[in-house]
Amino acid sequence: MGDAAAHLIGEHDFRSFCGVLPENGVTVRDVRSLTIARHGDLVRIGISADGFVHRMVRAIVGTLVECGLGRRAPASLPEILAARDRRAAGLTAPAHGLYLAGVRYDDYDSFREPPIFRYSGS
């Protein structure tokens, strides 16, 4: 999965990972980091980018899982990007288990905000 993820770092056209084209048709994004860490039975995938297209993260996760399971070669990622066709990439990962951790802009960082909700354990 890590070898496959390395191909997605940087500025690329993510049309192959896009569910619905944006109104302006622009699907070029800059993935700044893509980390994968295993925690027992769980796999944590962190993606930081200048923006995301519709279902981009879920399509990336689904494709990386296919690589991790040996169903797709990690070296196929440049071909997937070049295809600019959603059918070239892997399955769309289900939404459960995926969440937005936060956002950062030039003048705002949600990671520095105090938590609004606290888990009380009950």
PDB file of N, CA and C in Angstrom:
ATOM      1  N   MET A   1       0.827  -1.196   0.000  1.00  0.00           N
ATOM      2  CA  MET A   1       0.000   0.000   0.000  1.00  0.00           C
ATOM      3  C   MET A   1       0.869   1.257   0.000  1.00  0.00           C
ATOM      4  N   GLY A   2       1.946   1.203   0.758  1.00  0.00           N
ATOM      5  CA  GLY A   2       2.843   2.353   0.821  1.00  0.00           C
ATOM      6  C   GLY A   2       3.504   2.644  -0.513  1.00  0.00           C
ATOM      7  N   ASP A   3       3.911   1.591  -1.217  1.00  0.00           N
ATOM      8  CA  ASP A   3       4.520   1.788  -2.534  1.00  0.00           C
ATOM      9  C   ASP A   3       3.522   2.409  -3.503  1.00  0.00           C
ATOM     10  N   ALA A   4       2.268   1.959  -3.444  1.00  0.00           N
ATOM     11  CA  ALA A   4       1.228   2.514  -4.315  1.00  0.00           C
ATOM     12  C   ALA A   4       0.946   3.968  -3.946  1.00  0.00           C
ATOM     13  N   ALA A   5       0.866   4.255  -2.653  1.00  0.00           N
ATOM     14  CA  ALA A   5       0.558   5.607  -2.189  1.00  0.00           C
ATOM     15  C   ALA A   5       1.599   6.615  -2.639  1.00  0.00           C
ATOM     16  N   ALA A   6       2.845   6.197  -2.710  1.00  0.00           N
ATOM     17  CA  ALA A   6       3.924   7.110  -3.102  1.00  0.00           C
ATOM     18  C   ALA A   6       3.683   7.715  -4.484  1.00  0.00           C
ATOM     19  N   HIS A   7       3.007   7.003  -5.359  1.00  0.00           N
ATOM     20  CA  HIS A   7       2.722   7.501  -6.707  1.00  0.00           C
ATOM     21  C   HIS A   7       1.683   8.626  -6.710  1.00  0.00           C
ATOM     22  N   LEU A   8       0.948   8.780  -5.614  1.00  0.00           N
ATOM     23  CA  LEU A   8      -0.127   9.765  -5.560  1.00  0.00           C
ATOM     24  C   LEU A   8       0.307  11.089  -4.945  1.00  0.00           C
ATOM     25  N   ILE A   9       1.515  11.122  -4.382  1.00  0.00           N
ATOM     26  CA  ILE A   9       2.019  12.353  -3.778  1.00  0.00           C
ATOM     27  C   ILE A   9       2.369  13.338  -4.883  1.00  0.00           C
ATOM     28  N   GLY A  10       2.017  14.590  -4.669  1.00  0.00           N
ATOM     29  CA  GLY A  10       2.318  15.641  -5.632  1.00  0.00           C
ATOM     30  C   GLY A  10       1.088  16.074  -6.400  1.00  0.00           C
ATOM     31  N   GLU A  11       1.289  16.926  -7.369  1.00  0.00           N
ATOM     32  CA  GLU A  11       0.178  17.451  -8.168  1.00  0.00           C
ATOM     33  C   GLU A  11      -0.111  16.509  -9.334  1.00  0.00           C
ATOM     34  N   HIS A  12      -1.356  16.034  -9.362  1.00  0.00           N
ATOM     35  CA  HIS A  12      -1.798  15.108 -10.407  1.00  0.00           C
ATOM     36  C   HIS A  12      -3.243  15.417 -10.770  1.00  0.00           C
ATOM     37  N   ASP A  13      -3.659  14.918 -11.904  1.00  0.00           N
ATOM     38  CA  ASP A  13      -5.066  14.957 -12.281  1.00  0.00           C
ATOM     39  C   ASP A  13      -5.719  13.716 -11.676  1.00  0.00           C
ATOM     40  N   PHE A  14      -6.620  13.918 -10.737  1.00  0.00           N
ATOM     41  CA  PHE A  14      -7.263  12.819 -10.012  1.00  0.00           C
ATOM     42  C   PHE A  14      -8.617  12.440 -10.599  1.00  0.00           C
ATOM     43  N   ARG A  15      -8.813  12.683 -11.890  1.00  0.00           N
ATOM     44  CA  ARG A  15     -10.081  12.330 -12.544  1.00  0.00           C
ATOM     45  C   ARG A  15     -10.413  10.854 -12.360  1.00  0.00           C
ATOM     46  N   SER A  16      -9.433   9.979 -12.368  1.00  0.00           N
ATOM     47  CA  SER A  16      -9.681   8.538 -12.186  1.00  0.00           C
ATOM     48  C   SER A  16     -10.187   8.211 -10.786  1.00  0.00           C
ATOM     49  N   PHE A  17     -10.054   9.147  -9.856  1.00  0.00           N
ATOM     50  CA  PHE A  17     -10.498   8.931  -8.480  1.00  0.00           C
ATOM     51  C   PHE A  17     -11.688   9.821  -8.132  1.00  0.00           C
ATOM     52  N   CYS A  18     -12.345  10.361  -9.139  1.00  0.00           N
ATOM     53  CA  CYS A  18     -13.426  11.324  -8.948  1.00  0.00           C
ATOM     54  C   CYS A  18     -14.776  10.689  -9.270  1.00  0.00           C
ATOM     55  N   GLY A  19     -15.727  10.803  -8.331  1.00  0.00           N
ATOM     56  CA  GLY A  19     -17.062  10.260  -8.548  1.00  0.00           C
ATOM     57  C   GLY A  19     -17.898  11.110  -9.483  1.00  0.00           C
ATOM     58  N   VAL A  20     -17.962  12.398  -9.226  1.00  0.00           N
ATOM     59  CA  VAL A  20     -18.737  13.342 -10.042  1.00  0.00           C
ATOM     60  C   VAL A  20     -17.824  14.525 -10.330  1.00  0.00           C
ATOM     61  N   LEU A  21     -17.713  14.886 -11.591  1.00  0.00           N
ATOM     62  CA  LEU A  21     -16.855  16.016 -11.953  1.00  0.00           C
ATOM     63  C   LEU A  21     -17.335  17.306 -11.310  1.00  0.00           C
ATOM     64  N   PRO A  22     -16.396  18.125 -10.822  1.00  0.00           N
ATOM     65  CA  PRO A  22     -16.799  19.433 -10.312  1.00  0.00           C
ATOM     66  C   PRO A  22     -17.343  20.291 -11.446  1.00  0.00           C
ATOM     67  N   GLU A  23     -18.139  21.289 -11.099  1.00  0.00           N
ATOM     68  CA  GLU A  23     -18.740  22.149 -12.114  1.00  0.00           C
ATOM     69  C   GLU A  23     -17.701  22.770 -13.040  1.00  0.00           C
ATOM     70  N   ASN A  24     -16.542  23.128 -12.493  1.00  0.00           N
ATOM     71  CA  ASN A  24     -15.514  23.763 -13.312  1.00  0.00           C
ATOM     72  C   ASN A  24     -14.673  22.741 -14.085  1.00  0.00           C
ATOM     73  N   GLY A  25     -14.897  21.449 -13.842  1.00  0.00           N
ATOM     74  CA  GLY A  25     -14.200  20.392 -14.563  1.00  0.00           C
ATOM     75  C   GLY A  25     -12.759  20.167 -14.153  1.00  0.00           C
ATOM     76  N   VAL A  26     -12.275  20.912 -13.173  1.00  0.00           N
ATOM     77  CA  VAL A  26     -10.880  20.807 -12.753  1.00  0.00           C
ATOM     78  C   VAL A  26     -10.736  19.690 -11.716  1.00  0.00           C
ATOM     79  N   THR A  27      -9.916  18.706 -12.051  1.00  0.00           N
ATOM     80  CA  THR A  27      -9.694  17.571 -11.144  1.00  0.00           C
ATOM     81  C   THR A  27      -8.219  17.441 -10.746  1.00  0.00           C
ATOM     82  N   VAL A  28      -7.442  18.479 -11.000  1.00  0.00           N
ATOM     83  CA  VAL A  28      -6.036  18.497 -10.584  1.00  0.00           C
ATOM     84  C   VAL A  28      -5.971  18.922  -9.121  1.00  0.00           C
ATOM     85  N   ARG A  29      -5.288  18.126  -8.334  1.00  0.00           N
ATOM     86  CA  ARG A  29      -5.108  18.409  -6.914  1.00  0.00           C
ATOM     87  C   ARG A  29      -3.668  18.104  -6.535  1.00  0.00           C
ATOM     88  N   ASP A  30      -3.221  18.702  -5.427  1.00  0.00           N
ATOM     89  CA  ASP A  30      -1.866  18.486  -4.919  1.00  0.00           C
ATOM     90  C   ASP A  30      -1.956  17.715  -3.611  1.00  0.00           C
ATOM     91  N   VAL A  31      -1.636  16.430  -3.650  1.00  0.00           N
ATOM     92  CA  VAL A  31      -1.609  15.610  -2.438  1.00  0.00           C
ATOM     93  C   VAL A  31      -0.264  15.856  -1.773  1.00  0.00           C
ATOM     94  N   ARG A  32      -0.324  16.443  -0.593  1.00  0.00           N
ATOM     95  CA  ARG A  32       0.901  16.835   0.106  1.00  0.00           C
ATOM     96  C   ARG A  32       1.474  15.718   0.953  1.00  0.00           C
ATOM     97  N   SER A  33       0.604  14.890   1.489  1.00  0.00           N
ATOM     98  CA  SER A  33       1.084  13.721   2.239  1.00  0.00           C
ATOM     99  C   SER A  33       0.020  12.634   2.200  1.00  0.00           C
ATOM    100  N   LEU A  34       0.489  11.401   2.239  1.00  0.00           N
ATOM    101  CA  LEU A  34      -0.397  10.247   2.271  1.00  0.00           C
ATOM    102  C   LEU A  34       0.322   9.207   3.128  1.00  0.00           C
ATOM    103  N   THR A  35      -0.200   9.013   4.331  1.00  0.00           N
ATOM    104  CA  THR A  35       0.450   8.109   5.279  1.00  0.00           C
ATOM    105  C   THR A  35      -0.426   6.887   5.527  1.00  0.00           C
ATOM    106  N   ILE A  36       0.231   5.777   5.771  1.00  0.00           N
ATOM    107  CA  ILE A  36      -0.471   4.527   6.060  1.00  0.00           C
ATOM    108  C   ILE A  36       0.195   3.903   7.278  1.00  0.00           C
ATOM    109  N   ALA A  37      -0.605   3.576   8.270  1.00  0.00           N
ATOM    110  CA  ALA A  37      -0.075   2.950   9.485  1.00  0.00           C
ATOM    111  C   ALA A  37      -1.030   1.861   9.943  1.00  0.00           C
ATOM    112  N   ARG A  38      -0.483   0.741  10.308  1.00  0.00           N
ATOM    113  CA  ARG A  38      -1.298  -0.369  10.800  1.00  0.00           C
ATOM    114  C   ARG A  38      -1.311  -0.343  12.321  1.00  0.00           C
ATOM    115  N   HIS A  39      -2.498  -0.527  12.881  1.00  0.00           N
ATOM    116  CA  HIS A  39      -2.700  -0.587  14.327  1.00  0.00           C
ATOM    117  C   HIS A  39      -3.527  -1.834  14.612  1.00  0.00           C
ATOM    118  N   GLY A  40      -2.860  -2.972  14.805  1.00  0.00           N
ATOM    119  CA  GLY A  40      -3.574  -4.234  14.986  1.00  0.00           C
ATOM    120  C   GLY A  40      -4.328  -4.583  13.720  1.00  0.00           C
ATOM    121  N   ASP A  41      -5.638  -4.762  13.842  1.00  0.00           N
ATOM    122  CA  ASP A  41      -6.475  -5.088  12.689  1.00  0.00           C
ATOM    123  C   ASP A  41      -6.885  -3.852  11.884  1.00  0.00           C
ATOM    124  N   LEU A  42      -6.564  -2.679  12.386  1.00  0.00           N
ATOM    125  CA  LEU A  42      -6.973  -1.442  11.722  1.00  0.00           C
ATOM    126  C   LEU A  42      -5.837  -0.860  10.896  1.00  0.00           C
ATOM    127  N   VAL A  43      -6.204  -0.191   9.824  1.00  0.00           N
ATOM    128  CA  VAL A  43      -5.243   0.528   8.993  1.00  0.00           C
ATOM    129  C   VAL A  43      -5.669   1.986   8.983  1.00  0.00           C
ATOM    130  N   ARG A  44      -4.746   2.859   9.341  1.00  0.00           N
ATOM    131  CA  ARG A  44      -5.045   4.292   9.339  1.00  0.00           C
ATOM    132  C   ARG A  44      -4.379   4.912   8.123  1.00  0.00           C
ATOM    133  N   ILE A  45      -5.185   5.572   7.300  1.00  0.00           N
ATOM    134  CA  ILE A  45      -4.689   6.252   6.113  1.00  0.00           C
ATOM    135  C   ILE A  45      -4.974   7.739   6.298  1.00  0.00           C
ATOM    136  N   GLY A  46      -3.935   8.530   6.248  1.00  0.00           N
ATOM    137  CA  GLY A  46      -4.076   9.980   6.369  1.00  0.00           C
ATOM    138  C   GLY A  46      -3.707  10.643   5.055  1.00  0.00           C
ATOM    139  N   ILE A  47      -4.578  11.502   4.569  1.00  0.00           N
ATOM    140  CA  ILE A  47      -4.321  12.196   3.302  1.00  0.00           C
ATOM    141  C   ILE A  47      -4.473  13.697   3.529  1.00  0.00           C
ATOM    142  N   SER A  48      -3.455  14.422   3.135  1.00  0.00           N
ATOM    143  CA  SER A  48      -3.477  15.876   3.203  1.00  0.00           C
ATOM    144  C   SER A  48      -3.283  16.397   1.785  1.00  0.00           C
ATOM    145  N   ALA A  49      -4.130  17.344   1.384  1.00  0.00           N
ATOM    146  CA  ALA A  49      -4.062  17.884   0.022  1.00  0.00           C
ATOM    147  C   ALA A  49      -4.566  19.313   0.003  1.00  0.00           C
ATOM    148  N   ASP A  50      -4.369  19.971  -1.122  1.00  0.00           N
ATOM    149  CA  ASP A  50      -4.879  21.335  -1.271  1.00  0.00           C
ATOM    150  C   ASP A  50      -6.379  21.346  -1.536  1.00  0.00           C
ATOM    151  N   GLY A  51      -6.961  20.190  -1.723  1.00  0.00           N
ATOM    152  CA  GLY A  51      -8.396  20.044  -1.946  1.00  0.00           C
ATOM    153  C   GLY A  51      -8.670  18.641  -2.431  1.00  0.00           C
ATOM    154  N   PHE A  52      -9.941  18.285  -2.470  1.00  0.00           N
ATOM    155  CA  PHE A  52     -10.334  16.946  -2.891  1.00  0.00           C
ATOM    156  C   PHE A  52     -11.497  17.045  -3.868  1.00  0.00           C
ATOM    157  N   VAL A  53     -11.544  16.125  -4.815  1.00  0.00           N
ATOM    158  CA  VAL A  53     -12.699  16.026  -5.694  1.00  0.00           C
ATOM    159  C   VAL A  53     -13.675  15.013  -5.086  1.00  0.00           C
ATOM    160  N   HIS A  54     -14.879  14.974  -5.629  1.00  0.00           N
ATOM    161  CA  HIS A  54     -15.944  14.115  -5.114  1.00  0.00           C
ATOM    162  C   HIS A  54     -15.477  12.663  -4.982  1.00  0.00           C
ATOM    163  N   ARG A  55     -15.574  12.121  -3.800  1.00  0.00           N
ATOM    164  CA  ARG A  55     -15.224  10.736  -3.465  1.00  0.00           C
ATOM    165  C   ARG A  55     -13.769  10.360  -3.740  1.00  0.00           C
ATOM    166  N   MET A  56     -12.918  11.345  -3.863  1.00  0.00           N
ATOM    167  CA  MET A  56     -11.504  11.087  -4.140  1.00  0.00           C
ATOM    168  C   MET A  56     -10.853  10.224  -3.063  1.00  0.00           C
ATOM    169  N   VAL A  57     -11.057  10.582  -1.816  1.00  0.00           N
ATOM    170  CA  VAL A  57     -10.412   9.844  -0.730  1.00  0.00           C
ATOM    171  C   VAL A  57     -10.933   8.409  -0.680  1.00  0.00           C
ATOM    172  N   ARG A  58     -12.229   8.230  -0.829  1.00  0.00           N
ATOM    173  CA  ARG A  58     -12.788   6.873  -0.790  1.00  0.00           C
ATOM    174  C   ARG A  58     -12.266   6.023  -1.949  1.00  0.00           C
ATOM    175  N   ALA A  59     -12.101   6.617  -3.130  1.00  0.00           N
ATOM    176  CA  ALA A  59     -11.571   5.872  -4.275  1.00  0.00           C
ATOM    177  C   ALA A  59     -10.090   5.553  -4.081  1.00  0.00           C
ATOM    178  N   ILE A  60      -9.348   6.488  -3.507  1.00  0.00           N
ATOM    179  CA  ILE A  60      -7.938   6.226  -3.211  1.00  0.00           C
ATOM    180  C   ILE A  60      -7.822   5.100  -2.198  1.00  0.00           C
ATOM    181  N   VAL A  61      -8.598   5.166  -1.130  1.00  0.00           N
ATOM    182  CA  VAL A  61      -8.546   4.123  -0.103  1.00  0.00           C
ATOM    183  C   VAL A  61      -8.901   2.764  -0.702  1.00  0.00           C
ATOM    184  N   GLY A  62      -9.951   2.702  -1.487  1.00  0.00           N
ATOM    185  CA  GLY A  62     -10.339   1.435  -2.117  1.00  0.00           C
ATOM    186  C   GLY A  62      -9.249   0.874  -3.003  1.00  0.00           C
ATOM    187  N   THR A  63      -8.592   1.742  -3.752  1.00  0.00           N
ATOM    188  CA  THR A  63      -7.509   1.312  -4.638  1.00  0.00           C
ATOM    189  C   THR A  63      -6.307   0.841  -3.833  1.00  0.00           C
ATOM    190  N   LEU A  64      -5.965   1.564  -2.768  1.00  0.00           N
ATOM    191  CA  LEU A  64      -4.839   1.156  -1.924  1.00  0.00           C
ATOM    192  C   LEU A  64      -5.115  -0.180  -1.231  1.00  0.00           C
ATOM    193  N   VAL A  65      -6.343  -0.393  -0.810  1.00  0.00           N
ATOM    194  CA  VAL A  65      -6.700  -1.678  -0.190  1.00  0.00           C
ATOM    195  C   VAL A  65      -6.519  -2.807  -1.204  1.00  0.00           C
ATOM    196  N   GLU A  66      -6.951  -2.586  -2.444  1.00  0.00           N
ATOM    197  CA  GLU A  66      -6.756  -3.601  -3.479  1.00  0.00           C
ATOM    198  C   GLU A  66      -5.268  -3.911  -3.659  1.00  0.00           C
ATOM    199  N   CYS A  67      -4.421  -2.884  -3.592  1.00  0.00           N
ATOM    200  CA  CYS A  67      -2.969  -3.104  -3.675  1.00  0.00           C
ATOM    201  C   CYS A  67      -2.490  -3.911  -2.475  1.00  0.00           C
ATOM    202  N   GLY A  68      -2.972  -3.562  -1.305  1.00  0.00           N
ATOM    203  CA  GLY A  68      -2.577  -4.265  -0.087  1.00  0.00           C
ATOM    204  C   GLY A  68      -2.995  -5.725  -0.087  1.00  0.00           C
ATOM    205  N   LEU A  69      -4.090  -6.026  -0.735  1.00  0.00           N
ATOM    206  CA  LEU A  69      -4.580  -7.405  -0.816  1.00  0.00           C
ATOM    207  C   LEU A  69      -3.953  -8.182  -1.976  1.00  0.00           C
ATOM    208  N   GLY A  70      -3.105  -7.518  -2.751  1.00  0.00           N
ATOM    209  CA  GLY A  70      -2.450  -8.166  -3.888  1.00  0.00           C
ATOM    210  C   GLY A  70      -3.305  -8.271  -5.135  1.00  0.00           C
ATOM    211  N   ARG A  71      -4.415  -7.560  -5.164  1.00  0.00           N
ATOM    212  CA  ARG A  71      -5.306  -7.601  -6.329  1.00  0.00           C
ATOM    213  C   ARG A  71      -4.923  -6.602  -7.411  1.00  0.00           C
ATOM    214  N   ARG A  72      -4.023  -5.697  -7.071  1.00  0.00           N
ATOM    215  CA  ARG A  72      -3.609  -4.652  -7.997  1.00  0.00           C
ATOM    216  C   ARG A  72      -2.143  -4.353  -7.698  1.00  0.00           C
ATOM    217  N   ALA A  73      -1.349  -4.149  -8.723  1.00  0.00           N
ATOM    218  CA  ALA A  73       0.077  -3.856  -8.540  1.00  0.00           C
ATOM    219  C   ALA A  73       0.275  -2.397  -8.130  1.00  0.00           C
ATOM    220  N   PRO A  74       1.093  -2.133  -7.127  1.00  0.00           N
ATOM    221  CA  PRO A  74       1.374  -0.745  -6.749  1.00  0.00           C
ATOM    222  C   PRO A  74       1.905   0.089  -7.910  1.00  0.00           C
ATOM    223  N   ALA A  75       2.643  -0.538  -8.814  1.00  0.00           N
ATOM    224  CA  ALA A  75       3.207   0.174  -9.964  1.00  0.00           C
ATOM    225  C   ALA A  75       2.144   0.590 -10.982  1.00  0.00           C
ATOM    226  N   SER A  76       0.897   0.156 -10.785  1.00  0.00           N
ATOM    227  CA  SER A  76      -0.171   0.517 -11.720  1.00  0.00           C
ATOM    228  C   SER A  76      -0.746   1.908 -11.451  1.00  0.00           C
ATOM    229  N   LEU A  77      -0.378   2.527 -10.354  1.00  0.00           N
ATOM    230  CA  LEU A  77      -0.967   3.828 -10.012  1.00  0.00           C
ATOM    231  C   LEU A  77      -0.687   4.922 -11.044  1.00  0.00           C
ATOM    232  N   PRO A  78       0.521   5.039 -11.603  1.00  0.00           N
ATOM    233  CA  PRO A  78       0.706   6.060 -12.649  1.00  0.00           C
ATOM    234  C   PRO A  78      -0.209   5.840 -13.857  1.00  0.00           C
ATOM    235  N   GLU A  79      -0.447   4.595 -14.217  1.00  0.00           N
ATOM    236  CA  GLU A  79      -1.354   4.288 -15.331  1.00  0.00           C
ATOM    237  C   GLU A  79      -2.790   4.681 -14.989  1.00  0.00           C
ATOM    238  N   ILE A  80      -3.174   4.447 -13.740  1.00  0.00           N
ATOM    239  CA  ILE A  80      -4.527   4.815 -13.295  1.00  0.00           C
ATOM    240  C   ILE A  80      -4.701   6.324 -13.397  1.00  0.00           C
ATOM    241  N   LEU A  81      -3.723   7.078 -12.902  1.00  0.00           N
ATOM    242  CA  LEU A  81      -3.794   8.541 -12.992  1.00  0.00           C
ATOM    243  C   LEU A  81      -3.868   8.994 -14.447  1.00  0.00           C
ATOM    244  N   ALA A  82      -3.043   8.409 -15.301  1.00  0.00           N
ATOM    245  CA  ALA A  82      -2.986   8.807 -16.711  1.00  0.00           C
ATOM    246  C   ALA A  82      -4.280   8.488 -17.454  1.00  0.00           C
ATOM    247  N   ALA A  83      -4.999   7.464 -17.018  1.00  0.00           N
ATOM    248  CA  ALA A  83      -6.238   7.058 -17.705  1.00  0.00           C
ATOM    249  C   ALA A  83      -7.318   8.128 -17.627  1.00  0.00           C
ATOM    250  N   ARG A  84      -7.338   8.891 -16.537  1.00  0.00           N
ATOM    251  CA  ARG A  84      -8.377   9.911 -16.319  1.00  0.00           C
ATOM    252  C   ARG A  84      -9.771   9.317 -16.514  1.00  0.00           C
ATOM    253  N   ASP A  85      -9.954   8.096 -15.998  1.00  0.00           N
ATOM    254  CA  ASP A  85     -11.204   7.345 -16.151  1.00  0.00           C
ATOM    255  C   ASP A  85     -11.473   6.625 -14.832  1.00  0.00           C
ATOM    256  N   ARG A  86     -12.611   6.903 -14.226  1.00  0.00           N
ATOM    257  CA  ARG A  86     -12.939   6.324 -12.922  1.00  0.00           C
ATOM    258  C   ARG A  86     -12.885   4.802 -12.953  1.00  0.00           C
ATOM    259  N   ARG A  87     -13.179   4.184 -14.077  1.00  0.00           N
ATOM    260  CA  ARG A  87     -13.159   2.722 -14.167  1.00  0.00           C
ATOM    261  C   ARG A  87     -11.759   2.136 -14.030  1.00  0.00           C
ATOM    262  N   ALA A  88     -10.737   2.964 -14.204  1.00  0.00           N
ATOM    263  CA  ALA A  88      -9.357   2.485 -14.107  1.00  0.00           C
ATOM    264  C   ALA A  88      -8.925   2.245 -12.663  1.00  0.00           C
ATOM    265  N   ALA A  89      -9.498   2.975 -11.726  1.00  0.00           N
ATOM    266  CA  ALA A  89      -9.118   2.867 -10.317  1.00  0.00           C
ATOM    267  C   ALA A  89      -9.932   1.770  -9.628  1.00  0.00           C
ATOM    268  N   GLY A  90      -9.636   1.571  -8.367  1.00  0.00           N
ATOM    269  CA  GLY A  90     -10.292   0.516  -7.601  1.00  0.00           C
ATOM    270  C   GLY A  90     -11.676   0.890  -7.116  1.00  0.00           C
ATOM    271  N   LEU A  91     -12.214   0.014  -6.307  1.00  0.00           N
ATOM    272  CA  LEU A  91     -13.540   0.222  -5.742  1.00  0.00           C
ATOM    273  C   LEU A  91     -13.559   1.449  -4.835  1.00  0.00           C
ATOM    274  N   THR A  92     -14.724   2.029  -4.681  1.00  0.00           N
ATOM    275  CA  THR A  92     -14.909   3.126  -3.741  1.00  0.00           C
ATOM    276  C   THR A  92     -15.088   2.521  -2.347  1.00  0.00           C
ATOM    277  N   ALA A  93     -14.220   2.891  -1.425  1.00  0.00           N
ATOM    278  CA  ALA A  93     -14.325   2.373  -0.059  1.00  0.00           C
ATOM    279  C   ALA A  93     -15.638   2.856   0.557  1.00  0.00           C
ATOM    280  N   PRO A  94     -16.254   2.029   1.402  1.00  0.00           N
ATOM    281  CA  PRO A  94     -17.484   2.467   2.058  1.00  0.00           C
ATOM    282  C   PRO A  94     -17.213   3.657   2.972  1.00  0.00           C
ATOM    283  N   ALA A  95     -18.218   4.475   3.165  1.00  0.00           N
ATOM    284  CA  ALA A  95     -18.054   5.696   3.964  1.00  0.00           C
ATOM    285  C   ALA A  95     -17.821   5.407   5.450  1.00  0.00           C
ATOM    286  N   HIS A  96     -18.378   4.316   5.960  1.00  0.00           N
ATOM    287  CA  HIS A  96     -18.192   4.067   7.389  1.00  0.00           C
ATOM    288  C   HIS A  96     -16.720   3.784   7.675  1.00  0.00           C
ATOM    289  N   GLY A  97     -16.230   4.378   8.732  1.00  0.00           N
ATOM    290  CA  GLY A  97     -14.830   4.244   9.091  1.00  0.00           C
ATOM    291  C   GLY A  97     -13.979   5.383   8.575  1.00  0.00           C
ATOM    292  N   LEU A  98     -14.490   6.151   7.631  1.00  0.00           N
ATOM    293  CA  LEU A  98     -13.752   7.297   7.111  1.00  0.00           C
ATOM    294  C   LEU A  98     -14.333   8.570   7.717  1.00  0.00           C
ATOM    295  N   TYR A  99     -13.456   9.508   8.066  1.00  0.00           N
ATOM    296  CA  TYR A  99     -13.951  10.767   8.608  1.00  0.00           C
ATOM    297  C   TYR A  99     -12.964  11.892   8.320  1.00  0.00           C
ATOM    298  N   LEU A 100     -13.478  13.101   8.338  1.00  0.00           N
ATOM    299  CA  LEU A 100     -12.662  14.284   8.158  1.00  0.00           C
ATOM    300  C   LEU A 100     -12.096  14.651   9.524  1.00  0.00           C
ATOM    301  N   ALA A 101     -10.783  14.602   9.652  1.00  0.00           N
ATOM    302  CA  ALA A 101     -10.142  14.897  10.933  1.00  0.00           C
ATOM    303  C   ALA A 101     -10.078  16.397  11.188  1.00  0.00           C
ATOM    304  N   GLY A 102      -9.948  17.185  10.154  1.00  0.00           N
ATOM    305  CA  GLY A 102      -9.870  18.624  10.326  1.00  0.00           C
ATOM    306  C   GLY A 102      -9.464  19.293   9.031  1.00  0.00           C
ATOM    307  N   VAL A 103      -9.429  20.616   9.076  1.00  0.00           N
ATOM    308  CA  VAL A 103      -9.045  21.395   7.905  1.00  0.00           C
ATOM    309  C   VAL A 103      -8.043  22.466   8.305  1.00  0.00           C
ATOM    310  N   ARG A 104      -7.188  22.804   7.354  1.00  0.00           N
ATOM    311  CA  ARG A 104      -6.237  23.901   7.560  1.00  0.00           C
ATOM    312  C   ARG A 104      -6.299  24.819   6.349  1.00  0.00           C
ATOM    313  N   TYR A 105      -6.397  26.105   6.625  1.00  0.00           N
ATOM    314  CA  TYR A 105      -6.324  27.134   5.597  1.00  0.00           C
ATOM    315  C   TYR A 105      -5.233  28.111   6.022  1.00  0.00           C
ATOM    316  N   ASP A 106      -4.922  29.069   5.176  1.00  0.00           N
ATOM    317  CA  ASP A 106      -3.879  30.034   5.518  1.00  0.00           C
ATOM    318  C   ASP A 106      -4.154  30.726   6.854  1.00  0.00           C
ATOM    319  N   ASP A 107      -5.419  31.046   7.100  1.00  0.00           N
ATOM    320  CA  ASP A 107      -5.757  31.802   8.310  1.00  0.00           C
ATOM    321  C   ASP A 107      -6.603  31.012   9.314  1.00  0.00           C
ATOM    322  N   TYR A 108      -6.680  29.693   9.166  1.00  0.00           N
ATOM    323  CA  TYR A 108      -7.493  28.876  10.070  1.00  0.00           C
ATOM    324  C   TYR A 108      -6.928  27.463  10.166  1.00  0.00           C
ATOM    325  N   ASP A 109      -6.919  26.930  11.373  1.00  0.00           N
ATOM    326  CA  ASP A 109      -6.450  25.566  11.604  1.00  0.00           C
ATOM    327  C   ASP A 109      -7.376  24.914  12.628  1.00  0.00           C
ATOM    328  N   SER A 110      -8.253  24.018  12.156  1.00  0.00           N
ATOM    329  CA  SER A 110      -9.214  23.393  13.070  1.00  0.00           C
ATOM    330  C   SER A 110      -8.540  22.489  14.096  1.00  0.00           C
ATOM    331  N   PHE A 111      -7.303  22.068  13.830  1.00  0.00           N
ATOM    332  CA  PHE A 111      -6.593  21.219  14.776  1.00  0.00           C
ATOM    333  C   PHE A 111      -6.174  21.994  16.018  1.00  0.00           C
ATOM    334  N   ARG A 112      -6.164  23.305  15.937  1.00  0.00           N
ATOM    335  CA  ARG A 112      -5.796  24.145  17.080  1.00  0.00           C
ATOM    336  C   ARG A 112      -7.016  24.636  17.860  1.00  0.00           C
ATOM    337  N   GLU A 113      -8.195  24.356  17.354  1.00  0.00           N
ATOM    338  CA  GLU A 113      -9.429  24.755  18.024  1.00  0.00           C
ATOM    339  C   GLU A 113      -9.709  23.818  19.189  1.00  0.00           C
ATOM    340  N   PRO A 114     -10.305  24.337  20.253  1.00  0.00           N
ATOM    341  CA  PRO A 114     -10.693  23.425  21.342  1.00  0.00           C
ATOM    342  C   PRO A 114     -11.810  22.505  20.868  1.00  0.00           C
ATOM    343  N   PRO A 115     -11.836  21.269  21.351  1.00  0.00           N
ATOM    344  CA  PRO A 115     -12.898  20.352  20.932  1.00  0.00           C
ATOM    345  C   PRO A 115     -14.275  20.859  21.351  1.00  0.00           C
ATOM    346  N   ILE A 116     -15.231  20.729  20.456  1.00  0.00           N
ATOM    347  CA  ILE A 116     -16.606  21.147  20.741  1.00  0.00           C
ATOM    348  C   ILE A 116     -17.317  20.069  21.562  1.00  0.00           C
ATOM    349  N   PHE A 117     -17.097  18.828  21.191  1.00  0.00           N
ATOM    350  CA  PHE A 117     -17.736  17.712  21.864  1.00  0.00           C
ATOM    351  C   PHE A 117     -16.674  16.880  22.555  1.00  0.00           C
ATOM    352  N   ARG A 118     -16.994  16.425  23.714  1.00  0.00           N
ATOM    353  CA  ARG A 118     -16.077  15.535  24.443  1.00  0.00           C
ATOM    354  C   ARG A 118     -16.810  14.232  24.721  1.00  0.00           C
ATOM    355  N   TYR A 119     -16.108  13.143  24.537  1.00  0.00           N
ATOM    356  CA  TYR A 119     -16.680  11.837  24.828  1.00  0.00           C
ATOM    357  C   TYR A 119     -16.738  11.664  26.332  1.00  0.00           C
ATOM    358  N   SER A 120     -17.922  11.388  26.865  1.00  0.00           N
ATOM    359  CA  SER A 120     -18.079  11.243  28.311  1.00  0.00           C
ATOM    360  C   SER A 120     -17.969   9.808  28.768  1.00  0.00           C
ATOM    361  N   GLY A 121     -17.906   8.876  27.830  1.00  0.00           N
ATOM    362  CA  GLY A 121     -17.780   7.471  28.210  1.00  0.00           C
ATOM    363  C   GLY A 121     -19.099   6.802  28.530  1.00  0.00           C
ATOM    364  N   SER A 122     -20.202   7.512  28.390  1.00  0.00           N
ATOM    365  CA  SER A 122     -21.505   6.868  28.669  1.00  0.00           C
ATOM    366  C   SER A 122     -22.399   6.925  27.463  1.00  0.00           C
TER     367      SER A 122
END
